Amino acid sequence: MKRYLILLVFVLVIACESEENPSFDVLQTDFVTSINQNKKGADYYCRQGALFVDNKIYKSRDSIHEQLQALPIIDTAFSLAIIKHDSSNYFDIGYYQLKDSTAGKLAYVVAWKEEKGFWCKELEVLYPRHITNKVGKETIDAARQAWEDWSNAHQPDSLIQQVYSRDAFYLNDGYIYKGRKAIQTKYAYMLKEKWHIRLSTIQTIQVSDALFYDVGQYVSGGKGHYFILWQLQSDGKWSVLLDFNF
């Protein structure tokens, strides 16, 4: 009996360790096929899902479909990293290889969400990947540290003014907050005396000379995961253009 119990525990441990991520590669392949065939690629987005392209955000099914149809023909999707938040939320960061190889790639970040038993895109960010000037990762590390420092100093107003672009977006629970003033009201909780947060990057991708994807983990009481789209400003500072978290 004792030997049986030990074997059962061993099998359960192996089963837990071998748990695989959902088949996002299959979903992405189907998604690419749909938009290449002029079908409703917008159906792959959640009810409150959003598409962020060209510094603009689109939420309605029709507007998402229109933007997807304006994309160059995609050949294949390549995932560079799958980052699990919990069993119902994942980040997927990678790129779409375009059919015309001379056109390069589209770098993407997808926030996947399980909604009523189906996986859908809560957020997708798309930008052409074109780099002429390589930016060191330490530059983005410094910008992220500034975010953390202002937050832990309980100064959300200075955080927004110093680290966010004038036209920044914050996405939270399906709602969009645009502009510094709107975002600042959402960060009022940072004024609490016991507030403290730590950000740790997991995956970064330089998208262009002026754009960087940054996906990582935050710890503040509990743990969560964030995505920040960093944008180089005319004054040489890297600022938050888009902020999203689980």
C-alpha atoms as a PDB file:
ATOM      1  CA  MET A   1       0.000   0.000   0.000  1.00  0.00           C
ATOM      2  CA  LYS A   2       2.790   2.389   0.939  1.00  0.00           C
ATOM      3  CA  ARG A   3       4.594   1.641  -2.335  1.00  0.00           C
ATOM      4  CA  TYR A   4       1.343   2.308  -4.251  1.00  0.00           C
ATOM      5  CA  LEU A   5       0.888   5.696  -2.563  1.00  0.00           C
ATOM      6  CA  ILE A   6       4.479   6.702  -3.339  1.00  0.00           C
ATOM      7  CA  LEU A   7       3.974   5.733  -6.993  1.00  0.00           C
ATOM      8  CA  LEU A   8       0.697   7.686  -7.137  1.00  0.00           C
ATOM      9  CA  VAL A   9       2.349  10.815  -5.720  1.00  0.00           C
ATOM     10  CA  PHE A  10       5.197  10.453  -8.214  1.00  0.00           C
ATOM     11  CA  VAL A  11       2.749  10.209 -11.137  1.00  0.00           C
ATOM     12  CA  LEU A  12       0.839  13.285  -9.935  1.00  0.00           C
ATOM     13  CA  VAL A  13       4.063  15.293  -9.641  1.00  0.00           C
ATOM     14  CA  ILE A  14       5.125  14.305 -13.154  1.00  0.00           C
ATOM     15  CA  ALA A  15       1.672  15.239 -14.496  1.00  0.00           C
ATOM     16  CA  CYS A  16       1.859  18.684 -12.877  1.00  0.00           C
ATOM     17  CA  GLU A  17       5.358  19.334 -14.150  1.00  0.00           C
ATOM     18  CA  SER A  18       4.452  18.269 -17.677  1.00  0.00           C
ATOM     19  CA  GLU A  19       1.489  20.672 -17.902  1.00  0.00           C
ATOM     20  CA  GLU A  20       1.735  22.405 -21.256  1.00  0.00           C
ATOM     21  CA  ASN A  21       0.730  25.863 -22.369  1.00  0.00           C
ATOM     22  CA  PRO A  22      -2.413  26.180 -24.505  1.00  0.00           C
ATOM     23  CA  SER A  23      -1.817  25.765 -28.256  1.00  0.00           C
ATOM     24  CA  PHE A  24      -1.366  29.432 -29.090  1.00  0.00           C
ATOM     25  CA  ASP A  25       0.685  28.489 -32.157  1.00  0.00           C
ATOM     26  CA  VAL A  26      -2.371  26.719 -33.588  1.00  0.00           C
ATOM     27  CA  LEU A  27      -4.596  29.688 -32.769  1.00  0.00           C
ATOM     28  CA  GLN A  28      -2.116  32.066 -34.400  1.00  0.00           C
ATOM     29  CA  THR A  29      -1.910  29.899 -37.528  1.00  0.00           C
ATOM     30  CA  ASP A  30      -5.716  29.913 -37.802  1.00  0.00           C
ATOM     31  CA  PHE A  31      -5.759  33.669 -37.160  1.00  0.00           C
ATOM     32  CA  VAL A  32      -3.229  34.325 -39.962  1.00  0.00           C
ATOM     33  CA  THR A  33      -5.203  32.130 -42.356  1.00  0.00           C
ATOM     34  CA  SER A  34      -8.408  34.000 -41.543  1.00  0.00           C
ATOM     35  CA  ILE A  35      -7.070  37.500 -42.162  1.00  0.00           C
ATOM     36  CA  ASN A  36      -5.210  36.405 -45.303  1.00  0.00           C
ATOM     37  CA  GLN A  37      -8.509  35.067 -46.641  1.00  0.00           C
ATOM     38  CA  ASN A  38     -10.330  38.297 -45.752  1.00  0.00           C
ATOM     39  CA  LYS A  39     -12.317  36.553 -43.035  1.00  0.00           C
ATOM     40  CA  LYS A  40     -13.201  38.060 -39.675  1.00  0.00           C
ATOM     41  CA  GLY A  41      -9.872  38.060 -37.863  1.00  0.00           C
ATOM     42  CA  ALA A  42     -11.610  40.272 -35.304  1.00  0.00           C
ATOM     43  CA  ASP A  43     -13.432  37.153 -34.066  1.00  0.00           C
ATOM     44  CA  TYR A  44     -10.170  36.099 -32.409  1.00  0.00           C
ATOM     45  CA  TYR A  45     -10.384  39.092 -30.044  1.00  0.00           C
ATOM     46  CA  CYS A  46     -12.214  39.069 -26.721  1.00  0.00           C
ATOM     47  CA  ARG A  47     -15.518  40.827 -26.216  1.00  0.00           C
ATOM     48  CA  GLN A  48     -13.608  43.749 -24.663  1.00  0.00           C
ATOM     49  CA  GLY A  49     -10.457  43.067 -26.696  1.00  0.00           C
ATOM     50  CA  ALA A  50      -8.340  45.728 -28.382  1.00  0.00           C
ATOM     51  CA  LEU A  51      -5.854  46.092 -31.231  1.00  0.00           C
ATOM     52  CA  PHE A  52      -3.078  48.681 -30.927  1.00  0.00           C
ATOM     53  CA  VAL A  53      -1.402  49.727 -34.191  1.00  0.00           C
ATOM     54  CA  ASP A  54       0.244  52.920 -35.386  1.00  0.00           C
ATOM     55  CA  ASN A  55      -0.107  54.538 -31.931  1.00  0.00           C
ATOM     56  CA  LYS A  56      -3.892  54.105 -32.021  1.00  0.00           C
ATOM     57  CA  ILE A  57      -6.238  51.706 -30.291  1.00  0.00           C
ATOM     58  CA  TYR A  58      -9.208  49.938 -31.872  1.00  0.00           C
ATOM     59  CA  LYS A  59     -11.940  48.105 -29.967  1.00  0.00           C
ATOM     60  CA  SER A  60     -14.989  47.647 -32.180  1.00  0.00           C
ATOM     61  CA  ARG A  61     -15.173  44.484 -34.291  1.00  0.00           C
ATOM     62  CA  ASP A  62     -15.466  46.500 -37.512  1.00  0.00           C
ATOM     63  CA  SER A  63     -12.505  48.767 -36.754  1.00  0.00           C
ATOM     64  CA  ILE A  64     -10.305  45.804 -35.777  1.00  0.00           C
ATOM     65  CA  HIS A  65     -11.286  43.942 -38.953  1.00  0.00           C
ATOM     66  CA  GLU A  66     -10.521  47.014 -41.048  1.00  0.00           C
ATOM     67  CA  GLN A  67      -7.059  47.386 -39.510  1.00  0.00           C
ATOM     68  CA  LEU A  68      -6.245  43.707 -39.923  1.00  0.00           C
ATOM     69  CA  GLN A  69      -7.204  43.821 -43.587  1.00  0.00           C
ATOM     70  CA  ALA A  70      -4.860  46.771 -44.086  1.00  0.00           C
ATOM     71  CA  LEU A  71      -1.878  44.654 -42.973  1.00  0.00           C
ATOM     72  CA  PRO A  72       0.540  43.146 -45.501  1.00  0.00           C
ATOM     73  CA  ILE A  73      -0.037  39.459 -46.220  1.00  0.00           C
ATOM     74  CA  ILE A  74       1.398  37.375 -43.368  1.00  0.00           C
ATOM     75  CA  ASP A  75       3.246  34.133 -43.994  1.00  0.00           C
ATOM     76  CA  THR A  76       3.899  32.692 -40.532  1.00  0.00           C
ATOM     77  CA  ALA A  77       3.708  33.577 -36.843  1.00  0.00           C
ATOM     78  CA  PHE A  78       6.777  32.912 -34.681  1.00  0.00           C
ATOM     79  CA  SER A  79       6.505  33.034 -30.892  1.00  0.00           C
ATOM     80  CA  LEU A  80       9.652  34.012 -29.003  1.00  0.00           C
ATOM     81  CA  ALA A  81       8.250  33.641 -25.496  1.00  0.00           C
ATOM     82  CA  ILE A  82       5.053  32.480 -23.787  1.00  0.00           C
ATOM     83  CA  ILE A  83       4.693  33.989 -20.317  1.00  0.00           C
ATOM     84  CA  LYS A  84       2.081  32.521 -18.012  1.00  0.00           C
ATOM     85  CA  HIS A  85       0.261  34.752 -15.552  1.00  0.00           C
ATOM     86  CA  ASP A  86      -2.293  32.157 -14.477  1.00  0.00           C
ATOM     87  CA  SER A  87      -4.326  29.390 -16.089  1.00  0.00           C
ATOM     88  CA  SER A  88      -6.537  31.929 -17.890  1.00  0.00           C
ATOM     89  CA  ASN A  89      -4.051  34.652 -18.867  1.00  0.00           C
ATOM     90  CA  TYR A  90      -0.821  34.500 -20.883  1.00  0.00           C
ATOM     91  CA  PHE A  91       1.465  36.869 -22.739  1.00  0.00           C
ATOM     92  CA  ASP A  92       2.773  35.812 -26.151  1.00  0.00           C
ATOM     93  CA  ILE A  93       5.576  37.871 -27.665  1.00  0.00           C
ATOM     94  CA  GLY A  94       6.997  37.273 -31.141  1.00  0.00           C
ATOM     95  CA  TYR A  95       6.677  38.349 -34.745  1.00  0.00           C
ATOM     96  CA  TYR A  96       4.781  37.714 -37.965  1.00  0.00           C
ATOM     97  CA  GLN A  97       6.940  36.947 -40.992  1.00  0.00           C
ATOM     98  CA  LEU A  98       5.437  38.695 -43.996  1.00  0.00           C
ATOM     99  CA  LYS A  99       4.838  36.936 -47.307  1.00  0.00           C
ATOM    100  CA  ASP A 100       6.991  39.507 -49.050  1.00  0.00           C
ATOM    101  CA  SER A 101      10.329  38.831 -47.353  1.00  0.00           C
ATOM    102  CA  THR A 102      11.624  42.248 -48.406  1.00  0.00           C
ATOM    103  CA  ALA A 103       8.874  43.835 -46.263  1.00  0.00           C
ATOM    104  CA  GLY A 104      10.365  42.349 -43.101  1.00  0.00           C
ATOM    105  CA  LYS A 105       8.378  41.419 -39.999  1.00  0.00           C
ATOM    106  CA  LEU A 106       5.625  42.636 -37.721  1.00  0.00           C
ATOM    107  CA  ALA A 107       6.551  42.413 -34.035  1.00  0.00           C
ATOM    108  CA  TYR A 108       3.608  41.444 -31.843  1.00  0.00           C
ATOM    109  CA  VAL A 109       2.590  41.113 -28.232  1.00  0.00           C
ATOM    110  CA  VAL A 110      -0.655  39.290 -27.489  1.00  0.00           C
ATOM    111  CA  ALA A 111      -2.377  39.146 -24.108  1.00  0.00           C
ATOM    112  CA  TRP A 112      -4.339  35.902 -24.302  1.00  0.00           C
ATOM    113  CA  LYS A 113      -7.384  35.387 -22.109  1.00  0.00           C
ATOM    114  CA  GLU A 114      -9.642  32.406 -21.625  1.00  0.00           C
ATOM    115  CA  GLU A 115     -13.207  33.659 -21.912  1.00  0.00           C
ATOM    116  CA  LYS A 116     -16.127  31.260 -21.478  1.00  0.00           C
ATOM    117  CA  GLY A 117     -13.947  28.291 -22.387  1.00  0.00           C
ATOM    118  CA  PHE A 118     -12.373  29.887 -25.475  1.00  0.00           C
ATOM    119  CA  TRP A 119      -9.023  31.618 -25.890  1.00  0.00           C
ATOM    120  CA  CYS A 120      -9.167  35.142 -27.275  1.00  0.00           C
ATOM    121  CA  LYS A 121      -6.933  38.191 -27.605  1.00  0.00           C
ATOM    122  CA  GLU A 122      -7.545  40.715 -24.836  1.00  0.00           C
ATOM    123  CA  LEU A 123      -4.893  42.905 -26.435  1.00  0.00           C
ATOM    124  CA  GLU A 124      -2.651  42.711 -29.479  1.00  0.00           C
ATOM    125  CA  VAL A 125       0.060  45.242 -30.273  1.00  0.00           C
ATOM    126  CA  LEU A 126       1.536  45.310 -33.790  1.00  0.00           C
ATOM    127  CA  TYR A 127       4.414  47.323 -35.233  1.00  0.00           C
ATOM    128  CA  PRO A 128       6.775  46.799 -38.185  1.00  0.00           C
ATOM    129  CA  ARG A 129      10.171  45.668 -36.968  1.00  0.00           C
ATOM    130  CA  HIS A 130      12.802  47.927 -38.520  1.00  0.00           C
ATOM    131  CA  ILE A 131      16.018  48.783 -36.693  1.00  0.00           C
ATOM    132  CA  THR A 132      18.832  51.005 -37.920  1.00  0.00           C
ATOM    133  CA  ASN A 133      20.176  52.004 -34.493  1.00  0.00           C
ATOM    134  CA  LYS A 134      20.470  49.273 -31.859  1.00  0.00           C
ATOM    135  CA  VAL A 135      19.413  50.393 -28.398  1.00  0.00           C
ATOM    136  CA  GLY A 136      21.050  48.759 -25.386  1.00  0.00           C
ATOM    137  CA  LYS A 137      18.783  46.888 -22.994  1.00  0.00           C
ATOM    138  CA  GLU A 138      20.252  48.945 -20.148  1.00  0.00           C
ATOM    139  CA  THR A 139      18.498  52.008 -21.582  1.00  0.00           C
ATOM    140  CA  ILE A 140      15.098  50.378 -21.083  1.00  0.00           C
ATOM    141  CA  ASP A 141      16.207  49.039 -17.697  1.00  0.00           C
ATOM    142  CA  ALA A 142      16.881  52.631 -16.606  1.00  0.00           C
ATOM    143  CA  ALA A 143      13.470  53.820 -17.819  1.00  0.00           C
ATOM    144  CA  ARG A 144      11.773  50.955 -15.985  1.00  0.00           C
ATOM    145  CA  GLN A 145      13.733  51.766 -12.832  1.00  0.00           C
ATOM    146  CA  ALA A 146      12.551  55.367 -13.030  1.00  0.00           C
ATOM    147  CA  TRP A 147       8.955  54.076 -13.191  1.00  0.00           C
ATOM    148  CA  GLU A 148       9.553  51.957 -10.107  1.00  0.00           C
ATOM    149  CA  ASP A 149      11.305  54.741  -8.188  1.00  0.00           C
ATOM    150  CA  TRP A 150       8.552  57.325  -8.730  1.00  0.00           C
ATOM    151  CA  SER A 151       5.890  54.766  -7.822  1.00  0.00           C
ATOM    152  CA  ASN A 152       7.645  53.734  -4.609  1.00  0.00           C
ATOM    153  CA  ALA A 153       8.142  57.413  -3.716  1.00  0.00           C
ATOM    154  CA  HIS A 154       4.314  57.659  -3.640  1.00  0.00           C
ATOM    155  CA  GLN A 155       4.303  60.288  -6.369  1.00  0.00           C
ATOM    156  CA  PRO A 156       1.930  59.087  -9.092  1.00  0.00           C
ATOM    157  CA  ASP A 157       1.634  62.628 -10.458  1.00  0.00           C
ATOM    158  CA  SER A 158       5.408  62.836 -11.014  1.00  0.00           C
ATOM    159  CA  LEU A 159       5.447  59.268 -12.358  1.00  0.00           C
ATOM    160  CA  ILE A 160       2.928  60.161 -15.035  1.00  0.00           C
ATOM    161  CA  GLN A 161       4.535  63.491 -15.904  1.00  0.00           C
ATOM    162  CA  GLN A 162       8.081  62.150 -16.015  1.00  0.00           C
ATOM    163  CA  VAL A 163       7.668  58.638 -17.423  1.00  0.00           C
ATOM    164  CA  TYR A 164       4.488  58.627 -19.563  1.00  0.00           C
ATOM    165  CA  SER A 165       4.134  60.247 -22.962  1.00  0.00           C
ATOM    166  CA  ARG A 166       1.542  62.981 -23.357  1.00  0.00           C
ATOM    167  CA  ASP A 167      -0.695  60.660 -25.412  1.00  0.00           C
ATOM    168  CA  ALA A 168      -0.114  57.501 -23.354  1.00  0.00           C
ATOM    169  CA  PHE A 169      -2.706  54.749 -22.962  1.00  0.00           C
ATOM    170  CA  TYR A 170      -3.478  52.552 -19.972  1.00  0.00           C
ATOM    171  CA  LEU A 171      -5.624  49.429 -20.457  1.00  0.00           C
ATOM    172  CA  ASN A 172      -7.206  47.848 -17.401  1.00  0.00           C
ATOM    173  CA  ASP A 173     -10.069  45.326 -17.213  1.00  0.00           C
ATOM    174  CA  GLY A 174     -11.270  46.198 -20.709  1.00  0.00           C
ATOM    175  CA  TYR A 175     -11.284  49.965 -20.086  1.00  0.00           C
ATOM    176  CA  ILE A 176      -9.053  52.443 -21.910  1.00  0.00           C
ATOM    177  CA  TYR A 177      -7.566  55.477 -20.177  1.00  0.00           C
ATOM    178  CA  LYS A 178      -5.931  57.957 -22.522  1.00  0.00           C
ATOM    179  CA  GLY A 179      -3.696  60.842 -21.564  1.00  0.00           C
ATOM    180  CA  ARG A 180      -1.752  61.674 -18.433  1.00  0.00           C
ATOM    181  CA  LYS A 181      -4.657  63.091 -16.445  1.00  0.00           C
ATOM    182  CA  ALA A 182      -6.873  60.029 -16.949  1.00  0.00           C
ATOM    183  CA  ILE A 183      -4.061  57.610 -16.091  1.00  0.00           C
ATOM    184  CA  GLN A 184      -3.039  59.577 -13.006  1.00  0.00           C
ATOM    185  CA  THR A 185      -6.461  59.094 -11.417  1.00  0.00           C
ATOM    186  CA  LYS A 186      -6.062  55.309 -11.784  1.00  0.00           C
ATOM    187  CA  TYR A 187      -2.737  55.375  -9.947  1.00  0.00           C
ATOM    188  CA  ALA A 188      -3.961  57.232  -6.849  1.00  0.00           C
ATOM    189  CA  TYR A 189      -3.463  54.028  -4.813  1.00  0.00           C
ATOM    190  CA  MET A 190       0.291  54.663  -5.009  1.00  0.00           C
ATOM    191  CA  LEU A 191      -0.226  57.427  -2.428  1.00  0.00           C
ATOM    192  CA  LYS A 192      -0.790  54.819   0.298  1.00  0.00           C
ATOM    193  CA  GLU A 193       2.030  54.681   2.820  1.00  0.00           C
ATOM    194  CA  LYS A 194       2.537  50.917   2.553  1.00  0.00           C
ATOM    195  CA  TRP A 195       2.538  50.877  -1.233  1.00  0.00           C
ATOM    196  CA  HIS A 196       5.614  49.269  -2.785  1.00  0.00           C
ATOM    197  CA  ILE A 197       6.239  47.590  -6.139  1.00  0.00           C
ATOM    198  CA  ARG A 198       9.107  45.840  -7.868  1.00  0.00           C
ATOM    199  CA  LEU A 199       9.317  45.289 -11.636  1.00  0.00           C
ATOM    200  CA  SER A 200      11.389  42.491 -13.170  1.00  0.00           C
ATOM    201  CA  THR A 201      11.621  42.185 -16.939  1.00  0.00           C
ATOM    202  CA  ILE A 202      11.235  38.754 -18.547  1.00  0.00           C
ATOM    203  CA  GLN A 203      11.379  39.509 -22.274  1.00  0.00           C
ATOM    204  CA  THR A 204      12.194  42.663 -24.219  1.00  0.00           C
ATOM    205  CA  ILE A 205      12.258  43.255 -27.968  1.00  0.00           C
ATOM    206  CA  GLN A 206      13.536  46.309 -29.761  1.00  0.00           C
ATOM    207  CA  VAL A 207      10.932  46.935 -32.433  1.00  0.00           C
ATOM    208  CA  SER A 208      12.411  50.029 -34.070  1.00  0.00           C
ATOM    209  CA  ASP A 209      14.785  52.877 -33.303  1.00  0.00           C
ATOM    210  CA  ALA A 210      11.996  54.447 -31.215  1.00  0.00           C
ATOM    211  CA  LEU A 211       9.940  51.510 -29.856  1.00  0.00           C
ATOM    212  CA  PHE A 212      10.594  48.716 -27.346  1.00  0.00           C
ATOM    213  CA  TYR A 213       8.338  45.899 -26.089  1.00  0.00           C
ATOM    214  CA  ASP A 214       8.848  45.046 -22.417  1.00  0.00           C
ATOM    215  CA  VAL A 215       7.045  42.114 -20.725  1.00  0.00           C
ATOM    216  CA  GLY A 216       7.757  41.228 -17.133  1.00  0.00           C
ATOM    217  CA  GLN A 217       6.554  40.519 -13.633  1.00  0.00           C
ATOM    218  CA  TYR A 218       5.556  42.935 -10.890  1.00  0.00           C
ATOM    219  CA  VAL A 219       5.459  42.167  -7.178  1.00  0.00           C
ATOM    220  CA  SER A 220       3.278  44.293  -4.920  1.00  0.00           C
ATOM    221  CA  GLY A 221       1.702  42.263  -2.181  1.00  0.00           C
ATOM    222  CA  GLY A 222       0.793  39.676  -4.792  1.00  0.00           C
ATOM    223  CA  LYS A 223       2.361  38.969  -8.158  1.00  0.00           C
ATOM    224  CA  GLY A 224       1.222  39.981 -11.622  1.00  0.00           C
ATOM    225  CA  HIS A 225       2.560  40.559 -15.112  1.00  0.00           C
ATOM    226  CA  TYR A 226       2.874  43.721 -17.150  1.00  0.00           C
ATOM    227  CA  PHE A 227       3.424  44.874 -20.701  1.00  0.00           C
ATOM    228  CA  ILE A 228       4.916  48.294 -21.428  1.00  0.00           C
ATOM    229  CA  LEU A 229       5.395  49.782 -24.872  1.00  0.00           C
ATOM    230  CA  TRP A 230       8.294  52.208 -24.538  1.00  0.00           C
ATOM    231  CA  GLN A 231       8.609  55.067 -27.026  1.00  0.00           C
ATOM    232  CA  LEU A 232      11.599  57.353 -27.603  1.00  0.00           C
ATOM    233  CA  GLN A 233      10.601  61.020 -27.293  1.00  0.00           C
ATOM    234  CA  SER A 234      12.032  64.006 -29.168  1.00  0.00           C
ATOM    235  CA  ASP A 235      13.968  65.019 -26.025  1.00  0.00           C
ATOM    236  CA  GLY A 236      15.781  61.664 -25.972  1.00  0.00           C
ATOM    237  CA  LYS A 237      13.798  60.167 -23.076  1.00  0.00           C
ATOM    238  CA  TRP A 238      12.072  56.781 -23.240  1.00  0.00           C
ATOM    239  CA  SER A 239       8.464  57.086 -22.096  1.00  0.00           C
ATOM    240  CA  VAL A 240       5.473  54.782 -21.680  1.00  0.00           C
ATOM    241  CA  LEU A 241       3.149  54.873 -24.691  1.00  0.00           C
ATOM    242  CA  LEU A 242       1.047  51.878 -23.631  1.00  0.00           C
ATOM    243  CA  ASP A 243       0.641  50.251 -20.222  1.00  0.00           C
ATOM    244  CA  PHE A 244      -1.226  46.959 -19.663  1.00  0.00           C
ATOM    245  CA  ASN A 245      -1.178  44.389 -16.890  1.00  0.00           C
ATOM    246  CA  PHE A 246      -2.748  41.204 -15.584  1.00  0.00           C
END
